PDB file of N, CA and C in Angstrom:
ATOM      1  N   MET A   1     -16.502  14.769   4.495  1.00  0.00           N
ATOM      2  CA  MET A   1     -16.415  13.339   4.625  1.00  0.00           C
ATOM      3  C   MET A   1     -17.701  12.826   5.265  1.00  0.00           C
ATOM      4  N   ALA A   2     -18.211  11.717   4.757  1.00  0.00           N
ATOM      5  CA  ALA A   2     -19.431  11.139   5.299  1.00  0.00           C
ATOM      6  C   ALA A   2     -19.191  10.608   6.702  1.00  0.00           C
ATOM      7  N   PRO A   3     -20.160  10.784   7.603  1.00  0.00           N
ATOM      8  CA  PRO A   3     -19.978  10.292   8.970  1.00  0.00           C
ATOM      9  C   PRO A   3     -20.013   8.763   9.006  1.00  0.00           C
ATOM     10  N   PHE A   4     -19.298   8.204   9.966  1.00  0.00           N
ATOM     11  CA  PHE A   4     -19.272   6.766  10.159  1.00  0.00           C
ATOM     12  C   PHE A   4     -20.292   6.416  11.234  1.00  0.00           C
ATOM     13  N   THR A   5     -20.699   5.140  11.269  1.00  0.00           N
ATOM     14  CA  THR A   5     -21.680   4.730  12.268  1.00  0.00           C
ATOM     15  C   THR A   5     -21.075   4.716  13.664  1.00  0.00           C
ATOM     16  N   ALA A   6     -19.783   4.478  13.771  1.00  0.00           N
ATOM     17  CA  ALA A   6     -19.083   4.515  15.052  1.00  0.00           C
ATOM     18  C   ALA A   6     -17.911   5.479  14.914  1.00  0.00           C
ATOM     19  N   THR A   7     -17.474   6.029  16.026  1.00  0.00           N
ATOM     20  CA  THR A   7     -16.337   6.938  15.987  1.00  0.00           C
ATOM     21  C   THR A   7     -15.058   6.124  15.768  1.00  0.00           C
ATOM     22  N   PRO A   8     -14.367   6.375  14.658  1.00  0.00           N
ATOM     23  CA  PRO A   8     -13.128   5.640  14.403  1.00  0.00           C
ATOM     24  C   PRO A   8     -12.081   5.927  15.480  1.00  0.00           C
ATOM     25  N   ARG A   9     -11.265   4.922  15.740  1.00  0.00           N
ATOM     26  CA  ARG A   9     -10.208   5.044  16.740  1.00  0.00           C
ATOM     27  C   ARG A   9      -8.854   5.061  16.048  1.00  0.00           C
ATOM     28  N   ILE A  10      -8.047   6.044  16.401  1.00  0.00           N
ATOM     29  CA  ILE A  10      -6.712   6.189  15.835  1.00  0.00           C
ATOM     30  C   ILE A  10      -5.692   6.071  16.962  1.00  0.00           C
ATOM     31  N   LEU A  11      -4.665   5.268  16.713  1.00  0.00           N
ATOM     32  CA  LEU A  11      -3.542   5.166  17.624  1.00  0.00           C
ATOM     33  C   LEU A  11      -2.385   5.930  16.992  1.00  0.00           C
ATOM     34  N   VAL A  12      -1.924   6.954  17.670  1.00  0.00           N
ATOM     35  CA  VAL A  12      -0.801   7.754  17.186  1.00  0.00           C
ATOM     36  C   VAL A  12       0.446   7.338  17.955  1.00  0.00           C
ATOM     37  N   ILE A  13       1.473   6.960  17.204  1.00  0.00           N
ATOM     38  CA  ILE A  13       2.750   6.585  17.811  1.00  0.00           C
ATOM     39  C   ILE A  13       3.714   7.724  17.530  1.00  0.00           C
ATOM     40  N   ARG A  14       3.913   8.535  18.548  1.00  0.00           N
ATOM     41  CA  ARG A  14       4.720   9.750  18.394  1.00  0.00           C
ATOM     42  C   ARG A  14       5.222  10.187  19.767  1.00  0.00           C
ATOM     43  N   ALA A  15       6.408  10.746  19.803  1.00  0.00           N
ATOM     44  CA  ALA A  15       6.988  11.215  21.063  1.00  0.00           C
ATOM     45  C   ALA A  15       6.080  12.258  21.712  1.00  0.00           C
ATOM     46  N   TRP A  16       6.021  12.229  23.036  1.00  0.00           N
ATOM     47  CA  TRP A  16       5.199  13.192  23.766  1.00  0.00           C
ATOM     48  C   TRP A  16       5.702  14.612  23.601  1.00  0.00           C
ATOM     49  N   THR A  17       6.959  14.760  23.227  1.00  0.00           N
ATOM     50  CA  THR A  17       7.521  16.096  23.052  1.00  0.00           C
ATOM     51  C   THR A  17       7.093  16.743  21.737  1.00  0.00           C
ATOM     52  N   GLU A  18       6.509  15.940  20.841  1.00  0.00           N
ATOM     53  CA  GLU A  18       6.024  16.461  19.564  1.00  0.00           C
ATOM     54  C   GLU A  18       4.532  16.786  19.684  1.00  0.00           C
ATOM     55  N   PRO A  19       4.139  18.013  19.355  1.00  0.00           N
ATOM     56  CA  PRO A  19       2.735  18.401  19.515  1.00  0.00           C
ATOM     57  C   PRO A  19       1.811  17.721  18.504  1.00  0.00           C
ATOM     58  N   LEU A  20       0.550  17.570  18.897  1.00  0.00           N
ATOM     59  CA  LEU A  20      -0.492  17.050  18.014  1.00  0.00           C
ATOM     60  C   LEU A  20      -1.537  18.107  17.685  1.00  0.00           C
ATOM     61  N   VAL A  21      -1.331  19.323  18.124  1.00  0.00           N
ATOM     62  CA  VAL A  21      -2.336  20.377  17.955  1.00  0.00           C
ATOM     63  C   VAL A  21      -2.712  20.558  16.488  1.00  0.00           C
ATOM     64  N   ARG A  22      -1.730  20.746  15.629  1.00  0.00           N
ATOM     65  CA  ARG A  22      -2.016  20.973  14.198  1.00  0.00           C
ATOM     66  C   ARG A  22      -2.667  19.744  13.570  1.00  0.00           C
ATOM     67  N   PHE A  23      -2.250  18.564  13.982  1.00  0.00           N
ATOM     68  CA  PHE A  23      -2.836  17.321  13.487  1.00  0.00           C
ATOM     69  C   PHE A  23      -4.320  17.245  13.851  1.00  0.00           C
ATOM     70  N   ARG A  24      -4.631  17.529  15.107  1.00  0.00           N
ATOM     71  CA  ARG A  24      -6.034  17.517  15.556  1.00  0.00           C
ATOM     72  C   ARG A  24      -6.863  18.576  14.823  1.00  0.00           C
ATOM     73  N   GLU A  25      -6.285  19.765  14.642  1.00  0.00           N
ATOM     74  CA  GLU A  25      -6.983  20.836  13.919  1.00  0.00           C
ATOM     75  C   GLU A  25      -7.278  20.416  12.484  1.00  0.00           C
ATOM     76  N   ALA A  26      -6.299  19.819  11.824  1.00  0.00           N
ATOM     77  CA  ALA A  26      -6.470  19.387  10.433  1.00  0.00           C
ATOM     78  C   ALA A  26      -7.551  18.314  10.316  1.00  0.00           C
ATOM     79  N   LEU A  27      -7.602  17.401  11.276  1.00  0.00           N
ATOM     80  CA  LEU A  27      -8.671  16.397  11.273  1.00  0.00           C
ATOM     81  C   LEU A  27     -10.035  17.071  11.400  1.00  0.00           C
ATOM     82  N   ARG A  28     -10.143  18.024  12.333  1.00  0.00           N
ATOM     83  CA  ARG A  28     -11.406  18.756  12.515  1.00  0.00           C
ATOM     84  C   ARG A  28     -11.798  19.508  11.254  1.00  0.00           C
ATOM     85  N   GLU A  29     -10.822  20.193  10.649  1.00  0.00           N
ATOM     86  CA  GLU A  29     -11.084  20.963   9.426  1.00  0.00           C
ATOM     87  C   GLU A  29     -11.557  20.064   8.285  1.00  0.00           C
ATOM     88  N   ALA A  30     -11.094  18.821   8.279  1.00  0.00           N
ATOM     89  CA  ALA A  30     -11.490  17.866   7.243  1.00  0.00           C
ATOM     90  C   ALA A  30     -12.817  17.187   7.590  1.00  0.00           C
ATOM     91  N   GLY A  31     -13.370  17.528   8.747  1.00  0.00           N
ATOM     92  CA  GLY A  31     -14.633  16.935   9.165  1.00  0.00           C
ATOM     93  C   GLY A  31     -14.497  15.519   9.689  1.00  0.00           C
ATOM     94  N   VAL A  32     -13.300  15.170  10.129  1.00  0.00           N
ATOM     95  CA  VAL A  32     -13.044  13.830  10.627  1.00  0.00           C
ATOM     96  C   VAL A  32     -13.129  13.840  12.150  1.00  0.00           C
ATOM     97  N   VAL A  33     -14.078  13.090  12.674  1.00  0.00           N
ATOM     98  CA  VAL A  33     -14.247  12.963  14.115  1.00  0.00           C
ATOM     99  C   VAL A  33     -13.709  11.593  14.512  1.00  0.00           C
ATOM    100  N   VAL A  34     -12.676  11.586  15.344  1.00  0.00           N
ATOM    101  CA  VAL A  34     -12.032  10.343  15.757  1.00  0.00           C
ATOM    102  C   VAL A  34     -11.693  10.397  17.241  1.00  0.00           C
ATOM    103  N   ARG A  35     -11.439   9.223  17.804  1.00  0.00           N
ATOM    104  CA  ARG A  35     -10.873   9.130  19.156  1.00  0.00           C
ATOM    105  C   ARG A  35      -9.397   8.840  18.975  1.00  0.00           C
ATOM    106  N   ILE A  36      -8.563   9.651  19.583  1.00  0.00           N
ATOM    107  CA  ILE A  36      -7.121   9.479  19.449  1.00  0.00           C
ATOM    108  C   ILE A  36      -6.530   8.964  20.755  1.00  0.00           C
ATOM    109  N   THR A  37      -5.728   7.915  20.626  1.00  0.00           N
ATOM    110  CA  THR A  37      -4.914   7.415  21.724  1.00  0.00           C
ATOM    111  C   THR A  37      -3.476   7.612  21.279  1.00  0.00           C
ATOM    112  N   ARG A  38      -2.655   8.085  22.189  1.00  0.00           N
ATOM    113  CA  ARG A  38      -1.265   8.371  21.832  1.00  0.00           C
ATOM    114  C   ARG A  38      -0.326   7.543  22.692  1.00  0.00           C
ATOM    115  N   VAL A  39       0.675   6.947  22.049  1.00  0.00           N
ATOM    116  CA  VAL A  39       1.721   6.232  22.762  1.00  0.00           C
ATOM    117  C   VAL A  39       3.068   6.688  22.230  1.00  0.00           C
ATOM    118  N   ASP A  40       4.105   6.488  23.043  1.00  0.00           N
ATOM    119  CA  ASP A  40       5.426   6.938  22.603  1.00  0.00           C
ATOM    120  C   ASP A  40       6.515   5.879  22.723  1.00  0.00           C
ATOM    121  N   ILE A  41       6.240   4.804  23.453  1.00  0.00           N
ATOM    122  CA  ILE A  41       7.242   3.757  23.628  1.00  0.00           C
ATOM    123  C   ILE A  41       6.571   2.395  23.449  1.00  0.00           C
ATOM    124  N   GLU A  42       7.395   1.382  23.229  1.00  0.00           N
ATOM    125  CA  GLU A  42       6.864   0.050  22.943  1.00  0.00           C
ATOM    126  C   GLU A  42       5.972  -0.523  24.045  1.00  0.00           C
ATOM    127  N   PRO A  43       6.327  -0.410  25.332  1.00  0.00           N
ATOM    128  CA  PRO A  43       5.406  -0.930  26.351  1.00  0.00           C
ATOM    129  C   PRO A  43       4.020  -0.256  26.297  1.00  0.00           C
ATOM    130  N   ALA A  44       3.988   1.021  25.998  1.00  0.00           N
ATOM    131  CA  ALA A  44       2.702   1.720  25.875  1.00  0.00           C
ATOM    132  C   ALA A  44       1.939   1.229  24.651  1.00  0.00           C
ATOM    133  N   LEU A  45       2.655   0.941  23.566  1.00  0.00           N
ATOM    134  CA  LEU A  45       2.027   0.367  22.372  1.00  0.00           C
ATOM    135  C   LEU A  45       1.393  -0.970  22.711  1.00  0.00           C
ATOM    136  N   ASN A  46       2.131  -1.833  23.395  1.00  0.00           N
ATOM    137  CA  ASN A  46       1.589  -3.131  23.801  1.00  0.00           C
ATOM    138  C   ASN A  46       0.341  -2.966  24.665  1.00  0.00           C
ATOM    139  N   ALA A  47       0.404  -2.076  25.626  1.00  0.00           N
ATOM    140  CA  ALA A  47      -0.740  -1.854  26.515  1.00  0.00           C
ATOM    141  C   ALA A  47      -1.962  -1.371  25.732  1.00  0.00           C
ATOM    142  N   ALA A  48      -1.756  -0.461  24.800  1.00  0.00           N
ATOM    143  CA  ALA A  48      -2.877   0.054  23.999  1.00  0.00           C
ATOM    144  C   ALA A  48      -3.498  -1.055  23.161  1.00  0.00           C
ATOM    145  N   LEU A  49      -2.672  -1.916  22.593  1.00  0.00           N
ATOM    146  CA  LEU A  49      -3.190  -2.999  21.753  1.00  0.00           C
ATOM    147  C   LEU A  49      -3.874  -4.083  22.573  1.00  0.00           C
ATOM    148  N   VAL A  50      -3.475  -4.257  23.821  1.00  0.00           N
ATOM    149  CA  VAL A  50      -4.156  -5.200  24.705  1.00  0.00           C
ATOM    150  C   VAL A  50      -5.549  -4.673  25.049  1.00  0.00           C
ATOM    151  N   ARG A  51      -5.649  -3.372  25.278  1.00  0.00           N
ATOM    152  CA  ARG A  51      -6.921  -2.764  25.714  1.00  0.00           C
ATOM    153  C   ARG A  51      -7.972  -2.705  24.619  1.00  0.00           C
ATOM    154  N   GLY A  52      -7.569  -2.609  23.362  1.00  0.00           N
ATOM    155  CA  GLY A  52      -8.587  -2.490  22.324  1.00  0.00           C
ATOM    156  C   GLY A  52      -8.006  -2.429  20.932  1.00  0.00           C
ATOM    157  N   SER A  53      -8.914  -2.355  19.970  1.00  0.00           N
ATOM    158  CA  SER A  53      -8.495  -2.302  18.574  1.00  0.00           C
ATOM    159  C   SER A  53      -8.571  -0.868  18.074  1.00  0.00           C
ATOM    160  N   PHE A  54      -7.903  -0.638  16.962  1.00  0.00           N
ATOM    161  CA  PHE A  54      -7.859   0.684  16.344  1.00  0.00           C
ATOM    162  C   PHE A  54      -8.143   0.528  14.863  1.00  0.00           C
ATOM    163  N   ASP A  55      -8.709   1.562  14.289  1.00  0.00           N
ATOM    164  CA  ASP A  55      -9.009   1.547  12.855  1.00  0.00           C
ATOM    165  C   ASP A  55      -7.796   1.960  12.033  1.00  0.00           C
ATOM    166  N   VAL A  56      -7.009   2.869  12.578  1.00  0.00           N
ATOM    167  CA  VAL A  56      -5.816   3.360  11.896  1.00  0.00           C
ATOM    168  C   VAL A  56      -4.707   3.547  12.935  1.00  0.00           C
ATOM    169  N   ILE A  57      -3.498   3.188  12.526  1.00  0.00           N
ATOM    170  CA  ILE A  57      -2.307   3.474  13.322  1.00  0.00           C
ATOM    171  C   ILE A  57      -1.556   4.579  12.573  1.00  0.00           C
ATOM    172  N   VAL A  58      -1.301   5.693  13.232  1.00  0.00           N
ATOM    173  CA  VAL A  58      -0.497   6.758  12.634  1.00  0.00           C
ATOM    174  C   VAL A  58       0.880   6.677  13.277  1.00  0.00           C
ATOM    175  N   TRP A  59       1.869   6.341  12.449  1.00  0.00           N
ATOM    176  CA  TRP A  59       3.222   6.122  12.937  1.00  0.00           C
ATOM    177  C   TRP A  59       4.139   7.257  12.490  1.00  0.00           C
ATOM    178  N   ASP A  60       4.803   7.862  13.450  1.00  0.00           N
ATOM    179  CA  ASP A  60       5.774   8.918  13.177  1.00  0.00           C
ATOM    180  C   ASP A  60       7.144   8.262  12.999  1.00  0.00           C
ATOM    181  N   PRO A  61       7.775   8.437  11.824  1.00  0.00           N
ATOM    182  CA  PRO A  61       9.075   7.804  11.587  1.00  0.00           C
ATOM    183  C   PRO A  61      10.173   8.260  12.549  1.00  0.00           C
ATOM    184  N   THR A  62       9.966   9.385  13.229  1.00  0.00           N
ATOM    185  CA  THR A  62      10.967   9.843  14.202  1.00  0.00           C
ATOM    186  C   THR A  62      10.755   9.197  15.576  1.00  0.00           C
ATOM    187  N   SER A  63       9.714   8.381  15.693  1.00  0.00           N
ATOM    188  CA  SER A  63       9.403   7.707  16.953  1.00  0.00           C
ATOM    189  C   SER A  63      10.494   6.704  17.314  1.00  0.00           C
ATOM    190  N   SER A  64      10.599   6.406  18.598  1.00  0.00           N
ATOM    191  CA  SER A  64      11.560   5.396  19.047  1.00  0.00           C
ATOM    192  C   SER A  64      11.080   3.982  18.717  1.00  0.00           C
ATOM    193  N   VAL A  65       9.822   3.848  18.326  1.00  0.00           N
ATOM    194  CA  VAL A  65       9.248   2.555  17.954  1.00  0.00           C
ATOM    195  C   VAL A  65       9.323   2.430  16.425  1.00  0.00           C
ATOM    196  N   THR A  66       9.982   1.393  15.944  1.00  0.00           N
ATOM    197  CA  THR A  66      10.124   1.226  14.498  1.00  0.00           C
ATOM    198  C   THR A  66       8.835   0.701  13.871  1.00  0.00           C
ATOM    199  N   ARG A  67       8.719   0.894  12.566  1.00  0.00           N
ATOM    200  CA  ARG A  67       7.543   0.400  11.857  1.00  0.00           C
ATOM    201  C   ARG A  67       7.481  -1.132  11.927  1.00  0.00           C
ATOM    202  N   ASP A  68       8.629  -1.782  11.865  1.00  0.00           N
ATOM    203  CA  ASP A  68       8.650  -3.248  11.969  1.00  0.00           C
ATOM    204  C   ASP A  68       8.109  -3.711  13.316  1.00  0.00           C
ATOM    205  N   VAL A  69       8.458  -3.004  14.375  1.00  0.00           N
ATOM    206  CA  VAL A  69       7.952  -3.349  15.710  1.00  0.00           C
ATOM    207  C   VAL A  69       6.435  -3.143  15.757  1.00  0.00           C
ATOM    208  N   VAL A  70       5.957  -2.051  15.179  1.00  0.00           N
ATOM    209  CA  VAL A  70       4.504  -1.797  15.154  1.00  0.00           C
ATOM    210  C   VAL A  70       3.793  -2.942  14.439  1.00  0.00           C
ATOM    211  N   ALA A  71       4.282  -3.322  13.276  1.00  0.00           N
ATOM    212  CA  ALA A  71       3.659  -4.406  12.510  1.00  0.00           C
ATOM    213  C   ALA A  71       3.701  -5.720  13.295  1.00  0.00           C
ATOM    214  N   ALA A  72       4.824  -5.993  13.942  1.00  0.00           N
ATOM    215  CA  ALA A  72       4.948  -7.223  14.728  1.00  0.00           C
ATOM    216  C   ALA A  72       3.974  -7.232  15.899  1.00  0.00           C
ATOM    217  N   ARG A  73       3.842  -6.115  16.600  1.00  0.00           N
ATOM    218  CA  ARG A  73       2.930  -6.059  17.749  1.00  0.00           C
ATOM    219  C   ARG A  73       1.473  -6.192  17.295  1.00  0.00           C
ATOM    220  N   LEU A  74       1.131  -5.606  16.157  1.00  0.00           N
ATOM    221  CA  LEU A  74      -0.226  -5.775  15.632  1.00  0.00           C
ATOM    222  C   LEU A  74      -0.513  -7.257  15.391  1.00  0.00           C
ATOM    223  N   ARG A  75       0.435  -7.949  14.767  1.00  0.00           N
ATOM    224  CA  ARG A  75       0.262  -9.395  14.523  1.00  0.00           C
ATOM    225  C   ARG A  75       0.144 -10.165  15.827  1.00  0.00           C
ATOM    226  N   GLU A  76       1.033  -9.880  16.771  1.00  0.00           N
ATOM    227  CA  GLU A  76       1.029 -10.607  18.053  1.00  0.00           C
ATOM    228  C   GLU A  76      -0.279 -10.448  18.802  1.00  0.00           C
ATOM    229  N   HIS A  77      -0.892  -9.281  18.681  1.00  0.00           N
ATOM    230  CA  HIS A  77      -2.140  -9.012  19.400  1.00  0.00           C
ATOM    231  C   HIS A  77      -3.374  -9.317  18.551  1.00  0.00           C
ATOM    232  N   GLY A  78      -3.156  -9.822  17.351  1.00  0.00           N
ATOM    233  CA  GLY A  78      -4.282 -10.166  16.477  1.00  0.00           C
ATOM    234  C   GLY A  78      -5.083  -8.958  16.027  1.00  0.00           C
ATOM    235  N   ARG A  79      -4.422  -7.828  15.885  1.00  0.00           N
ATOM    236  CA  ARG A  79      -5.097  -6.600  15.481  1.00  0.00           C
ATOM    237  C   ARG A  79      -4.880  -6.342  14.000  1.00  0.00           C
ATOM    238  N   THR A  80      -5.910  -5.872  13.354  1.00  0.00           N
ATOM    239  CA  THR A  80      -5.805  -5.501  11.943  1.00  0.00           C
ATOM    240  C   THR A  80      -6.122  -4.022  11.823  1.00  0.00           C
ATOM    241  N   ALA A  81      -5.112  -3.257  11.562  1.00  0.00           N
ATOM    242  CA  ALA A  81      -5.277  -1.818  11.366  1.00  0.00           C
ATOM    243  C   ALA A  81      -4.275  -1.370  10.322  1.00  0.00           C
ATOM    244  N   SER A  82      -4.676  -0.441   9.507  1.00  0.00           N
ATOM    245  CA  SER A  82      -3.759   0.118   8.514  1.00  0.00           C
ATOM    246  C   SER A  82      -2.798   1.071   9.193  1.00  0.00           C
ATOM    247  N   ILE A  83      -1.562   1.068   8.727  1.00  0.00           N
ATOM    248  CA  ILE A  83      -0.556   1.985   9.243  1.00  0.00           C
ATOM    249  C   ILE A  83      -0.409   3.141   8.266  1.00  0.00           C
ATOM    250  N   VAL A  84      -0.619   4.343   8.769  1.00  0.00           N
ATOM    251  CA  VAL A  84      -0.424   5.567   7.989  1.00  0.00           C
ATOM    252  C   VAL A  84       0.821   6.252   8.542  1.00  0.00           C
ATOM    253  N   VAL A  85       1.731   6.606   7.656  1.00  0.00           N
ATOM    254  CA  VAL A  85       2.967   7.264   8.076  1.00  0.00           C
ATOM    255  C   VAL A  85       2.691   8.747   8.283  1.00  0.00           C
ATOM    256  N   MET A  86       3.143   9.263   9.429  1.00  0.00           N
ATOM    257  CA  MET A  86       3.006  10.692   9.734  1.00  0.00           C
ATOM    258  C   MET A  86       3.944  11.462   8.804  1.00  0.00           C
ATOM    259  N   GLU A  87       3.337  12.281   7.963  1.00  0.00           N
ATOM    260  CA  GLU A  87       4.081  13.129   7.040  1.00  0.00           C
ATOM    261  C   GLU A  87       3.636  14.565   7.292  1.00  0.00           C
ATOM    262  N   GLU A  88       3.695  15.375   6.272  1.00  0.00           N
ATOM    263  CA  GLU A  88       3.116  16.723   6.371  1.00  0.00           C
ATOM    264  C   GLU A  88       1.663  16.522   6.755  1.00  0.00           C
ATOM    265  N   VAL A  89       1.160  17.371   7.633  1.00  0.00           N
ATOM    266  CA  VAL A  89      -0.145  17.127   8.259  1.00  0.00           C
ATOM    267  C   VAL A  89      -1.278  16.966   7.241  1.00  0.00           C
ATOM    268  N   GLY A  90      -1.287  17.756   6.191  1.00  0.00           N
ATOM    269  CA  GLY A  90      -2.343  17.643   5.181  1.00  0.00           C
ATOM    270  C   GLY A  90      -2.316  16.299   4.473  1.00  0.00           C
ATOM    271  N   VAL A  91      -1.131  15.832   4.154  1.00  0.00           N
ATOM    272  CA  VAL A  91      -0.974  14.528   3.502  1.00  0.00           C
ATOM    273  C   VAL A  91      -1.413  13.413   4.449  1.00  0.00           C
ATOM    274  N   THR A  92      -1.022  13.520   5.699  1.00  0.00           N
ATOM    275  CA  THR A  92      -1.389  12.503   6.688  1.00  0.00           C
ATOM    276  C   THR A  92      -2.901  12.423   6.853  1.00  0.00           C
ATOM    277  N   VAL A  93      -3.561  13.571   6.968  1.00  0.00           N
ATOM    278  CA  VAL A  93      -5.023  13.575   7.128  1.00  0.00           C
ATOM    279  C   VAL A  93      -5.698  13.008   5.887  1.00  0.00           C
ATOM    280  N   THR A  94      -5.222  13.371   4.708  1.00  0.00           N
ATOM    281  CA  THR A  94      -5.784  12.819   3.471  1.00  0.00           C
ATOM    282  C   THR A  94      -5.652  11.302   3.455  1.00  0.00           C
ATOM    283  N   ASN A  95      -4.498  10.798   3.857  1.00  0.00           N
ATOM    284  CA  ASN A  95      -4.287   9.348   3.900  1.00  0.00           C
ATOM    285  C   ASN A  95      -5.193   8.676   4.923  1.00  0.00           C
ATOM    286  N   ILE A  96      -5.423   9.337   6.041  1.00  0.00           N
ATOM    287  CA  ILE A  96      -6.340   8.796   7.053  1.00  0.00           C
ATOM    288  C   ILE A  96      -7.761   8.737   6.500  1.00  0.00           C
ATOM    289  N   VAL A  97      -8.192   9.799   5.843  1.00  0.00           N
ATOM    290  CA  VAL A  97      -9.541   9.830   5.259  1.00  0.00           C
ATOM    291  C   VAL A  97      -9.708   8.692   4.257  1.00  0.00           C
ATOM    292  N   HIS A  98      -8.733   8.502   3.376  1.00  0.00           N
ATOM    293  CA  HIS A  98      -8.806   7.407   2.392  1.00  0.00           C
ATOM    294  C   HIS A  98      -8.855   6.051   3.087  1.00  0.00           C
ATOM    295  N   THR A  99      -8.048   5.891   4.107  1.00  0.00           N
ATOM    296  CA  THR A  99      -8.000   4.624   4.835  1.00  0.00           C
ATOM    297  C   THR A  99      -9.317   4.339   5.538  1.00  0.00           C
ATOM    298  N   LEU A 100      -9.855   5.347   6.225  1.00  0.00           N
ATOM    299  CA  LEU A 100     -11.126   5.160   6.929  1.00  0.00           C
ATOM    300  C   LEU A 100     -12.279   4.906   5.951  1.00  0.00           C
ATOM    301  N   THR A 101     -12.277   5.620   4.842  1.00  0.00           N
ATOM    302  CA  THR A 101     -13.327   5.430   3.838  1.00  0.00           C
ATOM    303  C   THR A 101     -13.290   3.994   3.312  1.00  0.00           C
ATOM    304  N   ALA A 102     -12.107   3.498   3.016  1.00  0.00           N
ATOM    305  CA  ALA A 102     -11.983   2.130   2.522  1.00  0.00           C
ATOM    306  C   ALA A 102     -12.395   1.119   3.596  1.00  0.00           C
ATOM    307  N   ARG A 103     -12.048   1.394   4.832  1.00  0.00           N
ATOM    308  CA  ARG A 103     -12.329   0.464   5.931  1.00  0.00           C
ATOM    309  C   ARG A 103     -13.825   0.388   6.238  1.00  0.00           C
ATOM    310  N   PHE A 104     -14.506   1.522   6.155  1.00  0.00           N
ATOM    311  CA  PHE A 104     -15.925   1.548   6.551  1.00  0.00           C
ATOM    312  C   PHE A 104     -16.896   1.430   5.394  1.00  0.00           C
ATOM    313  N   ASN A 105     -16.408   1.318   4.186  1.00  0.00           N
ATOM    314  CA  ASN A 105     -17.309   1.131   3.021  1.00  0.00           C
ATOM    315  C   ASN A 105     -17.314  -0.283   2.555  1.00  0.00           C
TER     316      ASN A 105
END
């Protein structure tokens, strides 16, 4: 994957009890260098969106935060980021690469 001029920022919405090790490894293997912020509950999501913007939101459907809530909070905070659903790790990374490529081209 071609490098971006700035390091893309990803917000991962996933329970703290679920590991991100394989996800991070898959991103590295795909040559994707990103800054990851992780939240697990709605107040943490709000705080993250107040502090800054993200290029991609990775949402785990097993999270306690619904996709509708994520979309609503993005609107409320005036943030524009694509939401990628956490699936099998390879599929998720491929979707992130496509999203970032479209966003930065």
